[in-house]
Amino acid sequence: MPIQTYRLEIRETDTSGIDADVYDAEDMIVASTQVAYEDYGLEAPASRDGSPSEVAEFSTDVTTIDLQFERDDAGFVFRVLGDREEVATVRADDAEWVVD
């Protein structure tokens, strides 16, 4: 399989959680997941200027793409796995995203 370029985007949805999507070169979603703040006892401010987001672009030669996340003491880590190997990571820190 030839090397392809992908884009991992994470963004806050309203103030209820985070959507994470992996897009291919044609802007088609190839993997997706959602995080609900309330599942982790977190809340975003009731109002804010804009919604936080992060983007990471990466190129890889893989046949499968998987998107996973985990929570640690200070935020969420989103990992893209290509053929079960980590190929991209984006972190959403509680302090930067202003969630308690």
PDB file of N, CA and C in Angstrom:
ATOM      1  N   MET A   1       0.858  -1.177   0.000  1.00  0.00           N
ATOM      2  CA  MET A   1       0.000   0.000   0.000  1.00  0.00           C
ATOM      3  C   MET A   1       0.906   1.241   0.000  1.00  0.00           C
ATOM      4  N   PRO A   2       0.607   2.233  -0.829  1.00  0.00           N
ATOM      5  CA  PRO A   2       1.441   3.446  -0.870  1.00  0.00           C
ATOM      6  C   PRO A   2       1.233   4.321   0.370  1.00  0.00           C
ATOM      7  N   ILE A   3       2.188   5.182   0.603  1.00  0.00           N
ATOM      8  CA  ILE A   3       2.077   6.122   1.723  1.00  0.00           C
ATOM      9  C   ILE A   3       0.919   7.076   1.451  1.00  0.00           C
ATOM     10  N   GLN A   4       0.073   7.254   2.468  1.00  0.00           N
ATOM     11  CA  GLN A   4      -1.064   8.164   2.368  1.00  0.00           C
ATOM     12  C   GLN A   4      -0.997   9.181   3.499  1.00  0.00           C
ATOM     13  N   THR A   5      -1.588  10.343   3.260  1.00  0.00           N
ATOM     14  CA  THR A   5      -1.631  11.401   4.265  1.00  0.00           C
ATOM     15  C   THR A   5      -2.997  11.396   4.941  1.00  0.00           C
ATOM     16  N   TYR A   6      -2.964  11.536   6.259  1.00  0.00           N
ATOM     17  CA  TYR A   6      -4.177  11.556   7.079  1.00  0.00           C
ATOM     18  C   TYR A   6      -4.138  12.784   7.983  1.00  0.00           C
ATOM     19  N   ARG A   7      -5.286  13.108   8.555  1.00  0.00           N
ATOM     20  CA  ARG A   7      -5.391  14.242   9.475  1.00  0.00           C
ATOM     21  C   ARG A   7      -6.234  13.816  10.672  1.00  0.00           C
ATOM     22  N   LEU A   8      -5.675  13.972  11.869  1.00  0.00           N
ATOM     23  CA  LEU A   8      -6.405  13.732  13.111  1.00  0.00           C
ATOM     24  C   LEU A   8      -6.889  15.075  13.623  1.00  0.00           C
ATOM     25  N   GLU A   9      -8.201  15.216  13.800  1.00  0.00           N
ATOM     26  CA  GLU A   9      -8.789  16.444  14.344  1.00  0.00           C
ATOM     27  C   GLU A   9      -9.558  16.107  15.607  1.00  0.00           C
ATOM     28  N   ILE A  10      -9.282  16.855  16.671  1.00  0.00           N
ATOM     29  CA  ILE A  10     -10.100  16.754  17.875  1.00  0.00           C
ATOM     30  C   ILE A  10     -10.676  18.131  18.147  1.00  0.00           C
ATOM     31  N   ARG A  11     -11.942  18.167  18.563  1.00  0.00           N
ATOM     32  CA  ARG A  11     -12.602  19.447  18.812  1.00  0.00           C
ATOM     33  C   ARG A  11     -13.710  19.251  19.840  1.00  0.00           C
ATOM     34  N   GLU A  12     -13.947  20.312  20.578  1.00  0.00           N
ATOM     35  CA  GLU A  12     -15.013  20.271  21.569  1.00  0.00           C
ATOM     36  C   GLU A  12     -16.365  20.370  20.866  1.00  0.00           C
ATOM     37  N   THR A  13     -17.323  19.568  21.332  1.00  0.00           N
ATOM     38  CA  THR A  13     -18.680  19.602  20.796  1.00  0.00           C
ATOM     39  C   THR A  13     -19.554  20.314  21.807  1.00  0.00           C
ATOM     40  N   ASP A  14     -20.126  21.439  21.398  1.00  0.00           N
ATOM     41  CA  ASP A  14     -20.867  22.281  22.342  1.00  0.00           C
ATOM     42  C   ASP A  14     -19.961  22.453  23.555  1.00  0.00           C
ATOM     43  N   THR A  15     -20.384  22.064  24.712  1.00  0.00           N
ATOM     44  CA  THR A  15     -19.492  21.995  25.871  1.00  0.00           C
ATOM     45  C   THR A  15     -19.691  20.653  26.563  1.00  0.00           C
ATOM     46  N   SER A  16     -20.155  19.669  25.795  1.00  0.00           N
ATOM     47  CA  SER A  16     -20.476  18.375  26.398  1.00  0.00           C
ATOM     48  C   SER A  16     -19.390  17.332  26.242  1.00  0.00           C
ATOM     49  N   GLY A  17     -18.400  17.583  25.378  1.00  0.00           N
ATOM     50  CA  GLY A  17     -17.359  16.588  25.196  1.00  0.00           C
ATOM     51  C   GLY A  17     -16.470  16.886  24.014  1.00  0.00           C
ATOM     52  N   ILE A  18     -15.792  15.842  23.549  1.00  0.00           N
ATOM     53  CA  ILE A  18     -14.812  15.968  22.472  1.00  0.00           C
ATOM     54  C   ILE A  18     -15.146  14.973  21.368  1.00  0.00           C
ATOM     55  N   ASP A  19     -15.113  15.449  20.129  1.00  0.00           N
ATOM     56  CA  ASP A  19     -15.188  14.584  18.952  1.00  0.00           C
ATOM     57  C   ASP A  19     -13.779  14.450  18.396  1.00  0.00           C
ATOM     58  N   ALA A  20     -13.419  13.250  17.979  1.00  0.00           N
ATOM     59  CA  ALA A  20     -12.125  13.014  17.345  1.00  0.00           C
ATOM     60  C   ALA A  20     -12.366  12.249  16.051  1.00  0.00           C
ATOM     61  N   ASP A  21     -11.778  12.740  14.968  1.00  0.00           N
ATOM     62  CA  ASP A  21     -11.948  12.112  13.657  1.00  0.00           C
ATOM     63  C   ASP A  21     -10.610  12.031  12.948  1.00  0.00           C
ATOM     64  N   VAL A  22     -10.418  10.945  12.204  1.00  0.00           N
ATOM     65  CA  VAL A  22      -9.270  10.801  11.318  1.00  0.00           C
ATOM     66  C   VAL A  22      -9.803  10.869   9.894  1.00  0.00           C
ATOM     67  N   TYR A  23      -9.243  11.798   9.102  1.00  0.00           N
ATOM     68  CA  TYR A  23      -9.648  12.003   7.713  1.00  0.00           C
ATOM     69  C   TYR A  23      -8.539  11.526   6.782  1.00  0.00           C
ATOM     70  N   ASP A  24      -8.934  10.986   5.627  1.00  0.00           N
ATOM     71  CA  ASP A  24      -7.942  10.629   4.620  1.00  0.00           C
ATOM     72  C   ASP A  24      -7.716  11.829   3.698  1.00  0.00           C
ATOM     73  N   ALA A  25      -6.954  11.633   2.634  1.00  0.00           N
ATOM     74  CA  ALA A  25      -6.607  12.732   1.725  1.00  0.00           C
ATOM     75  C   ALA A  25      -7.819  13.296   0.996  1.00  0.00           C
ATOM     76  N   GLU A  26      -8.895  12.515   0.891  1.00  0.00           N
ATOM     77  CA  GLU A  26     -10.123  12.987   0.235  1.00  0.00           C
ATOM     78  C   GLU A  26     -11.126  13.554   1.234  1.00  0.00           C
ATOM     79  N   ASP A  27     -10.695  13.805   2.464  1.00  0.00           N
ATOM     80  CA  ASP A  27     -11.542  14.317   3.548  1.00  0.00           C
ATOM     81  C   ASP A  27     -12.680  13.370   3.933  1.00  0.00           C
ATOM     82  N   MET A  28     -12.464  12.093   3.754  1.00  0.00           N
ATOM     83  CA  MET A  28     -13.416  11.075   4.206  1.00  0.00           C
ATOM     84  C   MET A  28     -12.993  10.618   5.599  1.00  0.00           C
ATOM     85  N   ILE A  29     -13.960  10.464   6.492  1.00  0.00           N
ATOM     86  CA  ILE A  29     -13.651   9.994   7.844  1.00  0.00           C
ATOM     87  C   ILE A  29     -13.344   8.501   7.784  1.00  0.00           C
ATOM     88  N   VAL A  30     -12.156   8.128   8.293  1.00  0.00           N
ATOM     89  CA  VAL A  30     -11.758   6.718   8.304  1.00  0.00           C
ATOM     90  C   VAL A  30     -11.795   6.125   9.711  1.00  0.00           C
ATOM     91  N   ALA A  31     -11.851   6.982  10.725  1.00  0.00           N
ATOM     92  CA  ALA A  31     -11.989   6.531  12.118  1.00  0.00           C
ATOM     93  C   ALA A  31     -12.550   7.694  12.922  1.00  0.00           C
ATOM     94  N   SER A  32     -13.333   7.365  13.954  1.00  0.00           N
ATOM     95  CA  SER A  32     -13.986   8.407  14.737  1.00  0.00           C
ATOM     96  C   SER A  32     -14.281   7.899  16.138  1.00  0.00           C
ATOM     97  N   THR A  33     -14.270   8.816  17.112  1.00  0.00           N
ATOM     98  CA  THR A  33     -14.680   8.484  18.471  1.00  0.00           C
ATOM     99  C   THR A  33     -15.175   9.750  19.151  1.00  0.00           C
ATOM    100  N   GLN A  34     -15.908   9.566  20.241  1.00  0.00           N
ATOM    101  CA  GLN A  34     -16.427  10.692  21.020  1.00  0.00           C
ATOM    102  C   GLN A  34     -16.146  10.454  22.496  1.00  0.00           C
ATOM    103  N   VAL A  35     -15.932  11.560  23.212  1.00  0.00           N
ATOM    104  CA  VAL A  35     -15.742  11.528  24.661  1.00  0.00           C
ATOM    105  C   VAL A  35     -16.791  12.439  25.275  1.00  0.00           C
ATOM    106  N   ALA A  36     -17.545  11.938  26.230  1.00  0.00           N
ATOM    107  CA  ALA A  36     -18.514  12.759  26.965  1.00  0.00           C
ATOM    108  C   ALA A  36     -17.865  13.201  28.271  1.00  0.00           C
ATOM    109  N   TYR A  37     -17.789  14.519  28.495  1.00  0.00           N
ATOM    110  CA  TYR A  37     -17.176  15.030  29.725  1.00  0.00           C
ATOM    111  C   TYR A  37     -17.824  14.426  30.967  1.00  0.00           C
ATOM    112  N   GLU A  38     -19.149  14.301  30.965  1.00  0.00           N
ATOM    113  CA  GLU A  38     -19.835  13.829  32.171  1.00  0.00           C
ATOM    114  C   GLU A  38     -19.427  12.400  32.534  1.00  0.00           C
ATOM    115  N   ASP A  39     -18.993  11.598  31.563  1.00  0.00           N
ATOM    116  CA  ASP A  39     -18.525  10.238  31.862  1.00  0.00           C
ATOM    117  C   ASP A  39     -17.275  10.248  32.741  1.00  0.00           C
ATOM    118  N   TYR A  40     -16.569  11.380  32.767  1.00  0.00           N
ATOM    119  CA  TYR A  40     -15.336  11.513  33.543  1.00  0.00           C
ATOM    120  C   TYR A  40     -15.473  12.542  34.660  1.00  0.00           C
ATOM    121  N   GLY A  41     -16.711  12.964  34.948  1.00  0.00           N
ATOM    122  CA  GLY A  41     -16.952  13.935  36.007  1.00  0.00           C
ATOM    123  C   GLY A  41     -16.397  15.311  35.699  1.00  0.00           C
ATOM    124  N   LEU A  42     -16.335  15.673  34.423  1.00  0.00           N
ATOM    125  CA  LEU A  42     -15.776  16.956  33.993  1.00  0.00           C
ATOM    126  C   LEU A  42     -16.865  17.866  33.453  1.00  0.00           C
ATOM    127  N   GLU A  43     -16.577  19.171  33.506  1.00  0.00           N
ATOM    128  CA  GLU A  43     -17.456  20.179  32.911  1.00  0.00           C
ATOM    129  C   GLU A  43     -16.608  21.238  32.238  1.00  0.00           C
ATOM    130  N   ALA A  44     -17.079  21.701  31.089  1.00  0.00           N
ATOM    131  CA  ALA A  44     -16.460  22.842  30.423  1.00  0.00           C
ATOM    132  C   ALA A  44     -17.187  24.089  30.887  1.00  0.00           C
ATOM    133  N   PRO A  45     -16.577  25.269  30.739  1.00  0.00           N
ATOM    134  CA  PRO A  45     -17.284  26.497  31.100  1.00  0.00           C
ATOM    135  C   PRO A  45     -18.579  26.617  30.306  1.00  0.00           C
ATOM    136  N   ALA A  46     -19.587  27.233  30.903  1.00  0.00           N
ATOM    137  CA  ALA A  46     -20.884  27.396  30.240  1.00  0.00           C
ATOM    138  C   ALA A  46     -20.757  28.219  28.960  1.00  0.00           C
ATOM    139  N   SER A  47     -19.830  29.169  28.948  1.00  0.00           N
ATOM    140  CA  SER A  47     -19.612  29.952  27.733  1.00  0.00           C
ATOM    141  C   SER A  47     -18.120  30.199  27.574  1.00  0.00           C
ATOM    142  N   ARG A  48     -17.692  30.276  26.344  1.00  0.00           N
ATOM    143  CA  ARG A  48     -16.293  30.555  26.033  1.00  0.00           C
ATOM    144  C   ARG A  48     -16.207  31.129  24.633  1.00  0.00           C
ATOM    145  N   ASP A  49     -15.084  31.747  24.336  1.00  0.00           N
ATOM    146  CA  ASP A  49     -14.847  32.287  22.998  1.00  0.00           C
ATOM    147  C   ASP A  49     -14.283  31.181  22.118  1.00  0.00           C
ATOM    148  N   GLY A  50     -15.110  30.620  21.259  1.00  0.00           N
ATOM    149  CA  GLY A  50     -14.664  29.549  20.371  1.00  0.00           C
ATOM    150  C   GLY A  50     -14.543  28.223  21.099  1.00  0.00           C
ATOM    151  N   SER A  51     -14.399  27.183  20.344  1.00  0.00           N
ATOM    152  CA  SER A  51     -14.230  25.848  20.902  1.00  0.00           C
ATOM    153  C   SER A  51     -12.792  25.402  20.697  1.00  0.00           C
ATOM    154  N   PRO A  52     -12.189  24.799  21.721  1.00  0.00           N
ATOM    155  CA  PRO A  52     -10.815  24.327  21.550  1.00  0.00           C
ATOM    156  C   PRO A  52     -10.743  23.207  20.514  1.00  0.00           C
ATOM    157  N   SER A  53      -9.608  23.137  19.840  1.00  0.00           N
ATOM    158  CA  SER A  53      -9.397  22.069  18.860  1.00  0.00           C
ATOM    159  C   SER A  53      -7.899  21.861  18.660  1.00  0.00           C
ATOM    160  N   GLU A  54      -7.549  20.707  18.142  1.00  0.00           N
ATOM    161  CA  GLU A  54      -6.165  20.362  17.808  1.00  0.00           C
ATOM    162  C   GLU A  54      -6.194  19.574  16.508  1.00  0.00           C
ATOM    163  N   VAL A  55      -5.134  19.717  15.706  1.00  0.00           N
ATOM    164  CA  VAL A  55      -5.028  18.995  14.439  1.00  0.00           C
ATOM    165  C   VAL A  55      -3.610  18.467  14.297  1.00  0.00           C
ATOM    166  N   ALA A  56      -3.495  17.223  13.838  1.00  0.00           N
ATOM    167  CA  ALA A  56      -2.187  16.636  13.533  1.00  0.00           C
ATOM    168  C   ALA A  56      -2.294  15.946  12.180  1.00  0.00           C
ATOM    169  N   GLU A  57      -1.398  16.293  11.272  1.00  0.00           N
ATOM    170  CA  GLU A  57      -1.358  15.642   9.967  1.00  0.00           C
ATOM    171  C   GLU A  57      -0.190  14.668   9.963  1.00  0.00           C
ATOM    172  N   PHE A  58      -0.392  13.511   9.342  1.00  0.00           N
ATOM    173  CA  PHE A  58       0.668  12.503   9.317  1.00  0.00           C
ATOM    174  C   PHE A  58       0.542  11.668   8.050  1.00  0.00           C
ATOM    175  N   SER A  59       1.644  11.082   7.646  1.00  0.00           N
ATOM    176  CA  SER A  59       1.665  10.201   6.477  1.00  0.00           C
ATOM    177  C   SER A  59       2.165   8.840   6.915  1.00  0.00           C
ATOM    178  N   THR A  60       1.544   7.802   6.366  1.00  0.00           N
ATOM    179  CA  THR A  60       1.913   6.451   6.758  1.00  0.00           C
ATOM    180  C   THR A  60       1.497   5.463   5.675  1.00  0.00           C
ATOM    181  N   ASP A  61       2.106   4.303   5.711  1.00  0.00           N
ATOM    182  CA  ASP A  61       1.823   3.219   4.777  1.00  0.00           C
ATOM    183  C   ASP A  61       1.205   2.073   5.570  1.00  0.00           C
ATOM    184  N   VAL A  62      -0.132   2.091   5.703  1.00  0.00           N
ATOM    185  CA  VAL A  62      -0.828   1.091   6.519  1.00  0.00           C
ATOM    186  C   VAL A  62      -2.065   0.583   5.785  1.00  0.00           C
ATOM    187  N   THR A  63      -2.585  -0.542   6.269  1.00  0.00           N
ATOM    188  CA  THR A  63      -3.816  -1.081   5.693  1.00  0.00           C
ATOM    189  C   THR A  63      -5.014  -0.858   6.604  1.00  0.00           C
ATOM    190  N   THR A  64      -4.772  -0.667   7.920  1.00  0.00           N
ATOM    191  CA  THR A  64      -5.873  -0.406   8.855  1.00  0.00           C
ATOM    192  C   THR A  64      -5.562   0.812   9.707  1.00  0.00           C
ATOM    193  N   ILE A  65      -6.604   1.570  10.031  1.00  0.00           N
ATOM    194  CA  ILE A  65      -6.497   2.743  10.909  1.00  0.00           C
ATOM    195  C   ILE A  65      -7.479   2.551  12.055  1.00  0.00           C
ATOM    196  N   ASP A  66      -7.012   2.799  13.272  1.00  0.00           N
ATOM    197  CA  ASP A  66      -7.861   2.723  14.456  1.00  0.00           C
ATOM    198  C   ASP A  66      -7.592   3.967  15.295  1.00  0.00           C
ATOM    199  N   LEU A  67      -8.619   4.492  15.941  1.00  0.00           N
ATOM    200  CA  LEU A  67      -8.497   5.677  16.789  1.00  0.00           C
ATOM    201  C   LEU A  67      -8.890   5.301  18.208  1.00  0.00           C
ATOM    202  N   GLN A  68      -8.000   5.547  19.154  1.00  0.00           N
ATOM    203  CA  GLN A  68      -8.246   5.222  20.557  1.00  0.00           C
ATOM    204  C   GLN A  68      -7.956   6.447  21.413  1.00  0.00           C
ATOM    205  N   PHE A  69      -8.528   6.462  22.624  1.00  0.00           N
ATOM    206  CA  PHE A  69      -8.205   7.528  23.564  1.00  0.00           C
ATOM    207  C   PHE A  69      -8.102   6.940  24.955  1.00  0.00           C
ATOM    208  N   GLU A  70      -7.393   7.689  25.805  1.00  0.00           N
ATOM    209  CA  GLU A  70      -7.325   7.330  27.218  1.00  0.00           C
ATOM    210  C   GLU A  70      -7.293   8.604  28.037  1.00  0.00           C
ATOM    211  N   ARG A  71      -7.687   8.479  29.272  1.00  0.00           N
ATOM    212  CA  ARG A  71      -7.728   9.604  30.210  1.00  0.00           C
ATOM    213  C   ARG A  71      -6.630   9.406  31.230  1.00  0.00           C
ATOM    214  N   ASP A  72      -5.870  10.476  31.521  1.00  0.00           N
ATOM    215  CA  ASP A  72      -4.933  10.442  32.637  1.00  0.00           C
ATOM    216  C   ASP A  72      -5.317  11.563  33.598  1.00  0.00           C
ATOM    217  N   ASP A  73      -4.468  11.877  34.554  1.00  0.00           N
ATOM    218  CA  ASP A  73      -4.805  12.872  35.575  1.00  0.00           C
ATOM    219  C   ASP A  73      -5.002  14.284  35.032  1.00  0.00           C
ATOM    220  N   ALA A  74      -4.458  14.585  33.857  1.00  0.00           N
ATOM    221  CA  ALA A  74      -4.472  15.966  33.378  1.00  0.00           C
ATOM    222  C   ALA A  74      -5.112  16.161  32.014  1.00  0.00           C
ATOM    223  N   GLY A  75      -5.684  15.115  31.424  1.00  0.00           N
ATOM    224  CA  GLY A  75      -6.303  15.299  30.121  1.00  0.00           C
ATOM    225  C   GLY A  75      -6.569  14.001  29.396  1.00  0.00           C
ATOM    226  N   PHE A  76      -6.857  14.145  28.104  1.00  0.00           N
ATOM    227  CA  PHE A  76      -7.124  13.005  27.236  1.00  0.00           C
ATOM    228  C   PHE A  76      -6.014  12.901  26.200  1.00  0.00           C
ATOM    229  N   VAL A  77      -5.635  11.683  25.871  1.00  0.00           N
ATOM    230  CA  VAL A  77      -4.663  11.428  24.817  1.00  0.00           C
ATOM    231  C   VAL A  77      -5.373  10.621  23.731  1.00  0.00           C
ATOM    232  N   PHE A  78      -5.325  11.129  22.502  1.00  0.00           N
ATOM    233  CA  PHE A  78      -5.922  10.453  21.355  1.00  0.00           C
ATOM    234  C   PHE A  78      -4.791   9.885  20.511  1.00  0.00           C
ATOM    235  N   ARG A  79      -4.882   8.593  20.211  1.00  0.00           N
ATOM    236  CA  ARG A  79      -3.837   7.907  19.456  1.00  0.00           C
ATOM    237  C   ARG A  79      -4.429   7.279  18.195  1.00  0.00           C
ATOM    238  N   VAL A  80      -3.724   7.483  17.097  1.00  0.00           N
ATOM    239  CA  VAL A  80      -4.080   6.806  15.855  1.00  0.00           C
ATOM    240  C   VAL A  80      -3.137   5.620  15.708  1.00  0.00           C
ATOM    241  N   LEU A  81      -3.728   4.446  15.522  1.00  0.00           N
ATOM    242  CA  LEU A  81      -2.950   3.234  15.300  1.00  0.00           C
ATOM    243  C   LEU A  81      -3.107   2.830  13.840  1.00  0.00           C
ATOM    244  N   GLY A  82      -1.983   2.586  13.201  1.00  0.00           N
ATOM    245  CA  GLY A  82      -1.975   2.075  11.841  1.00  0.00           C
ATOM    246  C   GLY A  82      -1.379   0.684  11.875  1.00  0.00           C
ATOM    247  N   ASP A  83      -2.143  -0.302  11.461  1.00  0.00           N
ATOM    248  CA  ASP A  83      -1.707  -1.700  11.559  1.00  0.00           C
ATOM    249  C   ASP A  83      -1.222  -2.019  12.972  1.00  0.00           C
ATOM    250  N   ARG A  84      -1.950  -1.501  13.952  1.00  0.00           N
ATOM    251  CA  ARG A  84      -1.725  -1.710  15.393  1.00  0.00           C
ATOM    252  C   ARG A  84      -0.479  -1.024  15.957  1.00  0.00           C
ATOM    253  N   GLU A  85       0.153  -0.170  15.169  1.00  0.00           N
ATOM    254  CA  GLU A  85       1.308   0.608  15.632  1.00  0.00           C
ATOM    255  C   GLU A  85       0.900   2.077  15.725  1.00  0.00           C
ATOM    256  N   GLU A  86       1.358   2.776  16.766  1.00  0.00           N
ATOM    257  CA  GLU A  86       1.014   4.192  16.922  1.00  0.00           C
ATOM    258  C   GLU A  86       1.662   5.018  15.817  1.00  0.00           C
ATOM    259  N   VAL A  87       0.836   5.813  15.116  1.00  0.00           N
ATOM    260  CA  VAL A  87       1.344   6.652  14.033  1.00  0.00           C
ATOM    261  C   VAL A  87       1.110   8.144  14.275  1.00  0.00           C
ATOM    262  N   ALA A  88       0.217   8.495  15.213  1.00  0.00           N
ATOM    263  CA  ALA A  88      -0.025   9.911  15.539  1.00  0.00           C
ATOM    264  C   ALA A  88      -0.673  10.003  16.913  1.00  0.00           C
ATOM    265  N   THR A  89      -0.375  11.111  17.610  1.00  0.00           N
ATOM    266  CA  THR A  89      -0.927  11.353  18.947  1.00  0.00           C
ATOM    267  C   THR A  89      -1.267  12.829  19.085  1.00  0.00           C
ATOM    268  N   VAL A  90      -2.419  13.103  19.700  1.00  0.00           N
ATOM    269  CA  VAL A  90      -2.804  14.474  20.049  1.00  0.00           C
ATOM    270  C   VAL A  90      -3.325  14.445  21.473  1.00  0.00           C
ATOM    271  N   ARG A  91      -2.938  15.457  22.246  1.00  0.00           N
ATOM    272  CA  ARG A  91      -3.333  15.537  23.649  1.00  0.00           C
ATOM    273  C   ARG A  91      -4.258  16.730  23.865  1.00  0.00           C
ATOM    274  N   ALA A  92      -5.291  16.533  24.667  1.00  0.00           N
ATOM    275  CA  ALA A  92      -6.196  17.610  25.083  1.00  0.00           C
ATOM    276  C   ALA A  92      -6.037  17.765  26.593  1.00  0.00           C
ATOM    277  N   ASP A  93      -5.225  18.744  27.006  1.00  0.00           N
ATOM    278  CA  ASP A  93      -4.985  18.986  28.432  1.00  0.00           C
ATOM    279  C   ASP A  93      -6.161  19.719  29.053  1.00  0.00           C
ATOM    280  N   ASP A  94      -6.562  19.280  30.251  1.00  0.00           N
ATOM    281  CA  ASP A  94      -7.671  19.925  30.955  1.00  0.00           C
ATOM    282  C   ASP A  94      -7.424  21.420  31.134  1.00  0.00           C
ATOM    283  N   ALA A  95      -6.202  21.797  31.509  1.00  0.00           N
ATOM    284  CA  ALA A  95      -5.897  23.206  31.766  1.00  0.00           C
ATOM    285  C   ALA A  95      -6.031  24.043  30.495  1.00  0.00           C
ATOM    286  N   GLU A  96      -5.532  23.542  29.374  1.00  0.00           N
ATOM    287  CA  GLU A  96      -5.610  24.280  28.113  1.00  0.00           C
ATOM    288  C   GLU A  96      -7.037  24.335  27.572  1.00  0.00           C
ATOM    289  N   TRP A  97      -7.800  23.284  27.793  1.00  0.00           N
ATOM    290  CA  TRP A  97      -9.175  23.221  27.296  1.00  0.00           C
ATOM    291  C   TRP A  97     -10.159  23.758  28.327  1.00  0.00           C
ATOM    292  N   VAL A  98      -9.665  24.147  29.491  1.00  0.00           N
ATOM    293  CA  VAL A  98     -10.448  24.742  30.576  1.00  0.00           C
ATOM    294  C   VAL A  98     -11.645  23.861  30.944  1.00  0.00           C
ATOM    295  N   VAL A  99     -11.344  22.635  31.349  1.00  0.00           N
ATOM    296  CA  VAL A  99     -12.377  21.734  31.864  1.00  0.00           C
ATOM    297  C   VAL A  99     -12.007  21.347  33.285  1.00  0.00           C
ATOM    298  N   ASP A 100     -13.009  21.209  34.129  1.00  0.00           N
ATOM    299  CA  ASP A 100     -12.796  20.846  35.538  1.00  0.00           C
ATOM    300  C   ASP A 100     -13.506  19.549  35.843  1.00  0.00           C
TER     301      ASP A 100
END
